[in-house]
């Protein structure tokens, strides 16, 4: 397995990749996702709970320069998605970047990044389910949050157990609602900025240059905002996993990646620009109600708080659904490649139901930890995956550096999506990832996450290297 050229894979692996199984040795997954599912998943996947919920911390830290922070981090994720799109379009696989890392770097790399991403999504399932339960608890204060968590977990576990098209349908409508909500917000915001919305006056640049200027807390504030914005983009990688279960994975990946730029610019950078232009960045309402509710309240939109709570709930439930799906598919790919417990690798009707159950169970167990040991075990879990997305991005960039050369030599016709200005921009992305890691070292809370994630990564790497050495030794003995 070590450093197997992508084009030298056996014929069966290539067939399975097209059907959605990737280079997995088990039964192929289904191809039940339609192009409309992938298009909307790619579109709505950009709009996550991190945008609606987490952006208030970034605005508080960076002020109006949060627009610049989201633009810079958005440029980084565009590069990452372009690299991932290049590899996934050339070799669609349910294991996505784990498969690419295994083929271009070694089996230890695929093992490390695959299980780290699976753990990240499983913990994220718990965090998003808890967030959704809090919203429901606000509406129904007589209920207990754990009841809602249990209900959501049962619903989305059942959805993912039934058929991949059910996951696709849920995500299609979740994404449609999120896209409609953020689009309406942007339209109202632009009307207010130009002073054509009834009851508003054009603010001009008052809020951008007043209240301490564009950089009210200096470069340090911008750096904190940059860190907050980077992690808001995590999870976009799932679309390349989902594309492998469509009838035309190459087209699906290519389409999702090619539209990434305008989606990120419009939804993330655009909405941040609207918020800090319409109202002062230091407005108490931003910290109290969140930036989106604060703007809608300022524009006197009736029931703004409840409207945004519905949208936030949808974003959180969408994340629960997508994370169960992504974790189960990544775990299945790892297991089918011999990098996990074989008994979990069974596929029924095109669905890896045992890995779905495993990932859902782990997510719900993490929820229980949040009730039983919120400041110890659950916090450790959160810290362990706190910087995992950066590890994933680093492996994607390293794998693309090697795989691009292999593809150019052996299968140039597979390069239907190409990384821009290769290899210069790949190295720029790697430098950006290193820069974010160095920024994390400056902040105490971020530093703890980085150390935990680093420790987790080292453990996985050691296990992966031991496995790879054992496999290589077994292959040598068999050859003799």
Protein backbone atom coordinates (compact mmCIF):
# COMPACT_ATOMS: atom_id res chain seq x y z
CA UNK A 1 0.00 0.00 0.00
CA UNK A 2 2.88 2.33 0.68
CA UNK A 3 3.04 5.11 -1.91
CA UNK A 4 1.03 3.24 -4.53
CA UNK A 5 0.67 5.41 -7.64
CA UNK A 6 -2.93 6.40 -8.17
CA UNK A 7 -3.03 5.21 -11.73
CA UNK A 8 -1.48 1.85 -10.86
CA UNK A 9 -4.44 0.77 -8.71
CA UNK A 10 -6.05 -2.53 -9.67
CA UNK A 11 -8.99 -2.46 -12.06
CA UNK A 12 -11.47 -3.38 -9.34
CA UNK A 13 -10.35 -0.41 -7.24
CA UNK A 14 -11.02 1.94 -10.12
CA UNK A 15 -14.49 0.45 -10.65
CA UNK A 16 -15.37 0.69 -6.98
CA UNK A 17 -14.20 4.26 -6.90
CA UNK A 18 -16.71 5.21 -9.55
CA UNK A 19 -19.49 3.39 -7.77
CA UNK A 20 -18.74 5.11 -4.51
CA UNK A 21 -16.67 2.61 -2.62
CA UNK A 22 -13.29 4.09 -3.33
CA UNK A 23 -10.36 1.72 -3.34
CA UNK A 24 -12.06 -0.28 -0.61
CA UNK A 25 -11.79 -4.02 -0.50
CA UNK A 26 -15.36 -4.55 0.71
CA UNK A 27 -18.69 -4.26 -1.13
CA UNK A 28 -19.27 -1.02 -2.97
CA UNK A 29 -21.47 1.63 -1.41
CA UNK A 30 -24.59 2.77 -3.22
CA UNK A 31 -24.74 5.62 -5.72
CA UNK A 32 -28.05 7.01 -4.48
CA UNK A 33 -27.06 10.67 -4.30
CA UNK A 34 -28.33 12.77 -7.19
CA UNK A 35 -26.64 15.77 -8.74
CA UNK A 36 -29.20 18.10 -7.13
CA UNK A 37 -28.27 16.63 -3.74
CA UNK A 38 -24.57 17.27 -4.31
CA UNK A 39 -25.17 20.76 -5.65
CA UNK A 40 -27.21 21.80 -2.64
CA UNK A 41 -24.92 20.01 -0.16
CA UNK A 42 -22.00 21.91 -1.65
CA UNK A 43 -23.94 25.18 -1.56
CA UNK A 44 -25.47 24.80 1.90
CA UNK A 45 -22.44 23.06 3.39
CA UNK A 46 -20.66 26.40 3.39
CA UNK A 47 -23.32 27.83 5.70
CA UNK A 48 -22.65 26.17 9.03
CA UNK A 49 -23.45 26.77 12.66
CA UNK A 50 -19.98 28.30 13.01
CA UNK A 51 -21.08 31.19 10.82
CA UNK A 52 -24.29 31.93 12.72
CA UNK A 53 -23.07 31.16 16.24
CA UNK A 54 -19.29 31.53 16.26
CA UNK A 55 -18.96 34.76 14.31
CA UNK A 56 -19.85 36.93 17.32
CA UNK A 57 -16.51 36.08 19.00
CA UNK A 58 -14.63 36.96 15.84
CA UNK A 59 -16.41 40.32 15.52
CA UNK A 60 -15.78 41.10 19.20
CA UNK A 61 -12.06 40.41 18.72
CA UNK A 62 -11.41 41.94 15.30
CA UNK A 63 -14.10 44.58 14.83
CA UNK A 64 -14.65 45.59 11.18
CA UNK A 65 -11.42 43.79 10.22
CA UNK A 66 -13.34 40.53 10.66
CA UNK A 67 -14.15 40.98 6.96
CA UNK A 68 -10.43 40.76 6.17
CA UNK A 69 -10.05 37.79 8.54
CA UNK A 70 -12.80 35.84 6.78
CA UNK A 71 -11.39 36.79 3.38
CA UNK A 72 -7.91 35.52 4.26
CA UNK A 73 -9.13 32.27 5.85
CA UNK A 74 -11.60 31.89 2.97
CA UNK A 75 -8.72 32.13 0.49
CA UNK A 76 -6.93 29.36 2.41
CA UNK A 77 -9.92 27.00 2.37
CA UNK A 78 -10.42 27.73 -1.35
CA UNK A 79 -6.91 26.45 -1.98
CA UNK A 80 -7.49 23.40 0.20
CA UNK A 81 -10.76 22.57 -1.54
CA UNK A 82 -9.17 23.04 -4.96
CA UNK A 83 -6.41 20.57 -4.06
CA UNK A 84 -8.91 18.12 -2.63
CA UNK A 85 -11.11 18.54 -5.68
CA UNK A 86 -8.21 17.77 -8.00
CA UNK A 87 -7.47 14.49 -6.23
CA UNK A 88 -11.10 13.49 -5.69
CA UNK A 89 -12.09 14.14 -9.30
CA UNK A 90 -9.15 12.03 -10.45
CA UNK A 91 -9.87 9.20 -7.99
CA UNK A 92 -13.32 9.47 -6.33
CA UNK A 93 -13.41 7.46 -3.09
CA UNK A 94 -15.56 7.31 0.02
CA UNK A 95 -12.36 7.76 2.04
CA UNK A 96 -11.52 10.97 0.14
CA UNK A 97 -8.32 12.57 1.49
CA UNK A 98 -7.50 9.50 3.63
CA UNK A 99 -7.29 7.42 0.46
CA UNK A 100 -5.29 10.12 -1.31
CA UNK A 101 -2.84 10.38 1.62
CA UNK A 102 -2.42 6.60 1.70
CA UNK A 103 -1.72 6.39 -2.02
CA UNK A 104 0.70 9.31 -2.22
CA UNK A 105 2.41 9.32 1.20
CA UNK A 106 1.89 5.90 2.80
CA UNK A 107 -0.65 3.79 4.65
CA UNK A 108 0.32 5.42 7.97
CA UNK A 109 -0.77 8.81 6.60
CA UNK A 110 -4.15 7.50 5.44
CA UNK A 111 -4.64 5.83 8.82
CA UNK A 112 -3.71 8.95 10.80
CA UNK A 113 -5.75 11.53 8.90
CA UNK A 114 -8.70 9.17 8.43
CA UNK A 115 -9.17 8.27 12.09
CA UNK A 116 -8.48 11.84 13.21
CA UNK A 117 -11.20 13.13 10.87
CA UNK A 118 -13.60 10.39 12.06
CA UNK A 119 -12.99 11.39 15.68
CA UNK A 120 -13.44 15.07 14.78
CA UNK A 121 -16.84 14.43 13.22
CA UNK A 122 -18.01 12.14 16.03
CA UNK A 123 -17.20 14.77 18.66
CA UNK A 124 -18.78 17.41 16.41
CA UNK A 125 -21.97 15.31 16.34
CA UNK A 126 -22.14 15.65 20.11
CA UNK A 127 -21.37 19.38 20.12
CA UNK A 128 -23.91 20.21 17.41
CA UNK A 129 -26.60 18.00 18.98
CA UNK A 130 -26.09 19.78 22.30
CA UNK A 131 -26.39 23.15 20.57
CA UNK A 132 -29.64 22.08 18.89
CA UNK A 133 -30.96 20.79 22.23
CA UNK A 134 -30.22 24.17 23.84
CA UNK A 135 -32.33 25.93 21.19
CA UNK A 136 -35.21 23.53 21.83
CA UNK A 137 -34.82 23.95 25.59
CA UNK A 138 -35.24 27.72 25.14
CA UNK A 139 -38.52 27.12 23.35
CA UNK A 140 -39.68 24.40 25.75
CA UNK A 141 -38.10 25.21 29.14
CA UNK A 142 -40.00 22.41 30.87
CA UNK A 143 -38.01 19.79 28.93
CA UNK A 144 -34.52 18.42 29.52
CA UNK A 145 -31.80 18.94 26.89
CA UNK A 146 -30.83 15.26 26.89
CA UNK A 147 -34.34 14.37 25.68
CA UNK A 148 -33.86 16.48 22.55
CA UNK A 149 -30.38 15.09 22.00
CA UNK A 150 -31.75 11.56 22.14
CA UNK A 151 -34.57 12.45 19.71
CA UNK A 152 -32.18 14.05 17.21
CA UNK A 153 -29.71 11.18 17.43
CA UNK A 154 -32.44 8.60 16.84
CA UNK A 155 -33.84 10.52 13.84
CA UNK A 156 -30.53 11.05 12.08
CA UNK A 157 -29.12 7.66 12.92
CA UNK A 158 -32.25 6.13 11.36
CA UNK A 159 -31.89 8.46 8.37
CA UNK A 160 -28.31 7.36 7.76
CA UNK A 161 -29.13 3.69 8.34
CA UNK A 162 -31.90 3.57 5.76
CA UNK A 163 -30.30 4.73 2.51
CA UNK A 164 -27.87 7.38 1.36
CA UNK A 165 -30.65 9.13 -0.59
CA UNK A 166 -32.36 9.89 2.76
CA UNK A 167 -29.23 11.69 3.91
CA UNK A 168 -29.22 13.51 0.59
CA UNK A 169 -32.86 14.58 0.87
CA UNK A 170 -32.47 15.89 4.43
CA UNK A 171 -29.36 17.83 3.45
CA UNK A 172 -31.04 19.14 0.30
CA UNK A 173 -33.88 20.76 2.23
CA UNK A 174 -31.71 21.83 5.15
CA UNK A 175 -29.33 23.50 2.70
CA UNK A 176 -32.19 25.10 0.77
CA UNK A 177 -33.51 26.74 3.94
CA UNK A 178 -30.05 27.95 4.99
CA UNK A 179 -29.33 29.37 1.55
CA UNK A 180 -32.72 31.11 1.46
CA UNK A 181 -32.19 32.59 4.94
CA UNK A 182 -28.68 33.91 4.33
CA UNK A 183 -29.66 35.22 0.88
CA UNK A 184 -32.60 37.14 2.37
CA UNK A 185 -30.31 38.50 5.08
CA UNK A 186 -27.82 39.72 2.47
CA UNK A 187 -30.55 41.36 0.38
CA UNK A 188 -32.02 43.18 3.40
CA UNK A 189 -28.54 44.22 4.50
CA UNK A 190 -27.63 45.63 1.10
CA UNK A 191 -30.91 47.55 0.91
CA UNK A 192 -30.14 49.05 4.31
CA UNK A 193 -26.56 49.92 3.33
CA UNK A 194 -27.81 51.83 0.28
CA UNK A 195 -30.59 53.45 2.34
CA UNK A 196 -33.46 52.13 0.24
CA UNK A 197 -35.00 49.95 2.96
CA UNK A 198 -37.90 51.81 4.63
CA UNK A 199 -36.88 53.37 7.92
CA UNK A 200 -33.11 53.19 7.28
CA UNK A 201 -30.41 55.63 6.27
CA UNK A 202 -27.28 54.74 4.32
CA UNK A 203 -24.54 54.28 6.98
CA UNK A 204 -21.68 54.84 4.56
CA UNK A 205 -18.35 53.95 6.16
CA UNK A 206 -19.29 55.26 9.61
CA UNK A 207 -19.21 51.87 11.32
CA UNK A 208 -16.21 50.64 9.33
CA UNK A 209 -13.88 53.52 10.20
CA UNK A 210 -15.50 54.84 13.38
CA UNK A 211 -15.60 53.14 16.79
CA UNK A 212 -11.82 52.68 16.88
CA UNK A 213 -11.21 52.37 13.16
CA UNK A 214 -11.00 49.33 10.89
CA UNK A 215 -8.53 47.66 13.29
CA UNK A 216 -9.90 48.73 16.68
CA UNK A 217 -7.86 46.11 18.58
CA UNK A 218 -4.85 46.16 16.34
CA UNK A 219 -3.17 43.27 14.60
CA UNK A 220 -3.65 41.02 17.65
CA UNK A 221 -7.41 41.40 17.37
CA UNK A 222 -7.24 40.59 13.67
CA UNK A 223 -5.24 37.44 14.43
CA UNK A 224 -7.83 36.26 16.98
CA UNK A 225 -10.57 36.93 14.44
CA UNK A 226 -8.59 34.99 11.85
CA UNK A 227 -8.43 31.95 14.12
CA UNK A 228 -12.17 32.16 14.78
CA UNK A 229 -12.89 32.36 11.06
CA UNK A 230 -10.59 29.46 10.09
CA UNK A 231 -12.50 26.92 12.15
CA UNK A 232 -15.84 28.15 10.84
CA UNK A 233 -14.92 26.60 7.48
CA UNK A 234 -14.31 23.10 8.84
CA UNK A 235 -16.54 20.38 7.40
CA UNK A 236 -16.53 21.48 3.77
CA UNK A 237 -14.49 18.35 3.01
CA UNK A 238 -17.57 16.15 3.43
CA UNK A 239 -18.85 17.04 -0.04
CA UNK A 240 -15.98 15.07 -1.62
CA UNK A 241 -16.96 12.05 0.50
CA UNK A 242 -20.59 12.39 -0.55
CA UNK A 243 -19.67 12.80 -4.23
CA UNK A 244 -18.24 9.26 -4.24
CA UNK A 245 -21.79 7.94 -3.67
CA UNK A 246 -23.29 9.69 -6.66
CA UNK A 247 -23.84 8.41 -10.19
CA UNK A 248 -21.29 10.85 -11.58
CA UNK A 249 -18.73 11.52 -8.83
CA UNK A 250 -16.24 13.28 -11.09
CA UNK A 251 -18.84 15.80 -12.25
CA UNK A 252 -20.11 16.23 -8.70
CA UNK A 253 -16.69 16.99 -7.23
CA UNK A 254 -15.71 19.25 -10.11
CA UNK A 255 -18.91 21.27 -9.83
CA UNK A 256 -18.67 21.68 -6.06
CA UNK A 257 -15.06 22.81 -6.14
CA UNK A 258 -15.43 25.19 -9.05
CA UNK A 259 -18.21 27.13 -7.33
CA UNK A 260 -16.45 27.24 -3.95
CA UNK A 261 -14.95 30.67 -4.52
CA UNK A 262 -18.14 32.65 -5.05
CA UNK A 263 -20.01 30.71 -2.34
CA UNK A 264 -17.39 31.52 0.30
CA UNK A 265 -17.09 35.14 -0.85
CA UNK A 266 -20.85 35.65 -0.90
CA UNK A 267 -22.00 33.86 2.24
CA UNK A 268 -19.10 34.36 4.63
CA UNK A 269 -17.23 37.49 3.60
CA UNK A 270 -20.40 39.11 2.29
CA UNK A 271 -22.43 38.60 5.44
CA UNK A 272 -19.57 39.82 7.68
CA UNK A 273 -19.29 42.95 5.54
CA UNK A 274 -23.04 43.57 5.84
CA UNK A 275 -23.01 43.14 9.64
CA UNK A 276 -20.12 45.52 10.45
CA UNK A 277 -21.37 48.09 7.91
CA UNK A 278 -24.98 48.21 9.10
CA UNK A 279 -24.36 48.31 12.87
CA UNK A 280 -21.37 49.19 15.11
CA UNK A 281 -19.14 46.16 15.75
CA UNK A 282 -19.18 46.99 19.47
CA UNK A 283 -22.98 47.07 19.74
CA UNK A 284 -24.05 45.18 22.91
CA UNK A 285 -26.79 43.46 20.90
CA UNK A 286 -24.15 41.48 18.96
CA UNK A 287 -22.78 39.87 22.11
CA UNK A 288 -26.27 39.40 23.56
CA UNK A 289 -28.26 38.10 20.60
CA UNK A 290 -25.67 37.29 17.95
CA UNK A 291 -24.70 39.40 14.92
CA UNK A 292 -27.47 38.24 12.59
CA UNK A 293 -30.26 38.80 15.09
CA UNK A 294 -28.72 42.16 16.03
CA UNK A 295 -28.85 43.34 12.41
CA UNK A 296 -32.40 42.09 11.86
CA UNK A 297 -33.55 43.76 15.10
CA UNK A 298 -31.89 47.00 13.98
CA UNK A 299 -33.78 46.75 10.69
CA UNK A 300 -36.98 46.19 12.70
CA UNK A 301 -37.69 42.78 11.16
CA UNK A 302 -40.54 41.22 13.20
CA UNK A 303 -39.61 38.17 15.31
CA UNK A 304 -35.98 38.39 14.16
CA UNK A 305 -34.72 36.40 17.13
CA UNK A 306 -37.08 33.49 16.58
CA UNK A 307 -36.44 33.49 12.83
CA UNK A 308 -32.71 33.18 13.38
CA UNK A 309 -33.19 30.54 16.09
CA UNK A 310 -35.02 28.43 13.51
CA UNK A 311 -32.19 28.93 11.01
CA UNK A 312 -29.55 28.14 13.66
CA UNK A 313 -31.49 25.01 14.65
CA UNK A 314 -31.58 23.90 11.00
CA UNK A 315 -27.84 24.56 10.65
CA UNK A 316 -27.11 22.52 13.78
CA UNK A 317 -29.34 19.61 12.72
CA UNK A 318 -27.79 19.70 9.27
CA UNK A 319 -24.36 19.42 10.88
CA UNK A 320 -25.48 16.44 13.01
CA UNK A 321 -26.80 14.68 9.91
CA UNK A 322 -23.74 15.45 7.79
CA UNK A 323 -21.25 14.54 10.52
CA UNK A 324 -22.83 11.14 11.16
CA UNK A 325 -22.69 10.51 7.42
CA UNK A 326 -19.12 11.73 6.97
CA UNK A 327 -17.77 9.88 10.01
CA UNK A 328 -19.44 6.61 9.05
CA UNK A 329 -18.14 6.75 5.46
CA UNK A 330 -14.61 7.60 6.49
CA UNK A 331 -14.64 4.83 9.12
CA UNK A 332 -16.00 2.36 6.57
CA UNK A 333 -13.29 3.27 4.07
CA UNK A 334 -10.58 2.79 6.70
CA UNK A 335 -12.01 -0.55 7.81
CA UNK A 336 -12.42 -1.82 4.25
CA UNK A 337 -8.74 -1.00 3.69
CA UNK A 338 -7.78 -3.12 6.69
CA UNK A 339 -7.20 -0.16 8.99
CA UNK A 340 -9.91 -0.91 11.53
CA UNK A 341 -12.01 -3.72 13.08
CA UNK A 342 -13.16 -5.91 10.18
CA UNK A 343 -16.49 -6.85 11.79
CA UNK A 344 -17.65 -3.23 11.42
CA UNK A 345 -17.12 -3.23 7.65
CA UNK A 346 -20.30 -4.98 6.55
CA UNK A 347 -22.44 -3.18 3.96
CA UNK A 348 -26.21 -3.74 3.76
CA UNK A 349 -28.14 -2.40 0.78
CA UNK A 350 -25.27 -0.06 -0.04
CA UNK A 351 -25.07 1.39 3.50
CA UNK A 352 -22.27 0.68 6.04
CA UNK A 353 -24.77 0.37 8.87
CA UNK A 354 -22.35 -0.85 11.50
CA UNK A 355 -20.09 2.16 11.10
CA UNK A 356 -23.16 4.42 11.18
CA UNK A 357 -24.14 2.85 14.51
CA UNK A 358 -20.58 3.06 15.80
CA UNK A 359 -20.23 6.75 14.99
CA UNK A 360 -23.70 7.60 16.31
CA UNK A 361 -23.02 5.67 19.53
CA UNK A 362 -19.71 7.46 20.03
CA UNK A 363 -21.39 10.80 19.44
CA UNK A 364 -24.14 10.07 21.95
CA UNK A 365 -21.58 8.78 24.46
CA UNK A 366 -19.73 12.07 24.11
CA UNK A 367 -23.03 13.86 24.87
CA UNK A 368 -23.36 11.82 28.06
CA UNK A 369 -19.80 12.78 28.95
CA UNK A 370 -20.84 16.43 28.62
CA UNK A 371 -23.47 15.85 31.32
CA UNK A 372 -21.36 13.61 33.56
CA UNK A 373 -17.87 15.12 33.21
CA UNK A 374 -18.26 18.44 31.35
CA UNK A 375 -14.95 19.95 32.47
CA UNK A 376 -12.80 16.83 32.21
CA UNK A 377 -13.59 14.01 29.78
CA UNK A 378 -15.79 16.05 27.42
CA UNK A 379 -13.36 18.96 27.43
CA UNK A 380 -10.51 16.56 26.67
CA UNK A 381 -12.44 15.25 23.68
CA UNK A 382 -13.06 18.79 22.44
CA UNK A 383 -9.38 19.65 22.89
CA UNK A 384 -8.22 16.47 21.12
CA UNK A 385 -10.01 17.47 17.92
CA UNK A 386 -9.69 21.23 18.40
CA UNK A 387 -7.02 21.63 15.73
CA UNK A 388 -7.80 18.43 13.80
CA UNK A 389 -9.09 20.31 10.76
CA UNK A 390 -5.64 21.87 10.33
CA UNK A 391 -4.05 18.42 10.44
CA UNK A 392 -6.50 17.27 7.75
CA UNK A 393 -5.70 20.31 5.58
CA UNK A 394 -1.98 19.71 6.01
CA UNK A 395 -2.28 16.10 4.83
CA UNK A 396 -4.43 17.22 1.87
CA UNK A 397 -1.75 19.67 0.74
CA UNK A 398 1.10 17.18 1.23
CA UNK A 399 -0.79 14.45 -0.63
CA UNK A 400 -1.62 16.77 -3.52
CA UNK A 401 2.03 17.75 -3.92
CA UNK A 402 2.93 14.10 -4.53
CA UNK A 403 -0.20 12.92 -6.35
CA UNK A 404 -0.14 15.74 -8.91
CA UNK A 405 3.27 14.61 -10.16
CA UNK A 406 2.07 11.00 -10.34
CA UNK A 407 -1.03 11.97 -12.30
CA UNK A 408 0.92 14.15 -14.72
CA UNK A 409 3.25 11.22 -15.44
CA UNK A 410 0.80 8.34 -15.52
CA UNK A 411 -2.78 9.57 -16.08
CA UNK A 412 -2.93 13.23 -17.16
CA UNK A 413 -6.43 12.68 -18.57
CA UNK A 414 -7.71 12.39 -14.98
CA UNK A 415 -6.78 15.99 -14.19
CA UNK A 416 -10.24 17.39 -14.92
CA UNK A 417 -9.85 19.77 -11.97
CA UNK A 418 -6.42 21.35 -11.59
CA UNK A 419 -4.88 23.19 -8.68
CA UNK A 420 -4.14 26.78 -9.63
CA UNK A 421 -0.47 27.77 -10.13
CA UNK A 422 0.85 24.40 -8.99
CA UNK A 423 3.05 23.95 -6.97
CA UNK A 424 3.37 27.58 -5.86
CA UNK A 425 -0.13 27.92 -4.37
CA UNK A 426 0.10 24.49 -2.72
CA UNK A 427 3.17 25.71 -0.85
CA UNK A 428 1.35 28.95 -0.04
CA UNK A 429 -1.48 26.89 1.50
CA UNK A 430 1.00 24.86 3.55
CA UNK A 431 2.62 28.08 4.75
CA UNK A 432 -0.83 29.40 5.68
CA UNK A 433 -1.58 26.28 7.73
CA UNK A 434 1.75 26.63 9.56
CA UNK A 435 1.02 30.31 10.20
CA UNK A 436 -2.37 29.44 11.77
CA UNK A 437 -0.69 26.82 13.97
CA UNK A 438 1.85 29.40 15.13
CA UNK A 439 -0.98 31.83 15.91
CA UNK A 440 -2.63 29.16 18.02
CA UNK A 441 0.53 28.89 20.12
CA UNK A 442 0.13 32.54 21.11
CA UNK A 443 -3.27 32.01 22.76
CA UNK A 444 -3.45 29.90 25.94
CA UNK A 445 -6.78 28.20 25.17
CA UNK A 446 -5.81 27.55 21.57
CA UNK A 447 -2.40 26.31 22.71
CA UNK A 448 -4.02 23.65 24.90
CA UNK A 449 -6.12 22.45 21.96
CA UNK A 450 -3.05 22.35 19.75
CA UNK A 451 -1.12 20.27 22.27
CA UNK A 452 -3.99 17.81 22.77
CA UNK A 453 -4.53 17.46 19.03
CA UNK A 454 -0.80 17.09 18.49
CA UNK A 455 -0.63 14.33 21.09
CA UNK A 456 -3.58 12.54 19.51
CA UNK A 457 -1.96 12.86 16.10
CA UNK A 458 1.34 11.45 17.36
CA UNK A 459 -0.43 8.43 18.86
CA UNK A 460 -2.26 7.75 15.60
CA UNK A 461 0.94 8.20 13.60
CA UNK A 462 2.86 5.75 15.77
CA UNK A 463 0.09 3.16 15.45
CA UNK A 464 -0.04 3.76 11.71
CA UNK A 465 3.73 3.37 11.31
CA UNK A 466 3.74 0.16 13.36
CA UNK A 467 0.94 -1.23 11.19
CA UNK A 468 2.71 -0.20 8.01
CA UNK A 469 5.98 -1.79 9.12
CA UNK A 470 4.17 -5.02 10.01
CA UNK A 471 2.45 -5.06 6.61
CA UNK A 472 5.72 -4.40 4.79
CA UNK A 473 7.46 -7.18 6.73
CA UNK A 474 4.60 -9.58 5.97
CA UNK A 475 4.80 -8.68 2.28
CA UNK A 476 8.56 -9.30 2.25
CA UNK A 477 8.13 -12.70 3.89
CA UNK A 478 5.36 -13.64 1.47
CA UNK A 479 7.58 -12.65 -1.46
CA UNK A 480 10.30 -15.00 -0.24
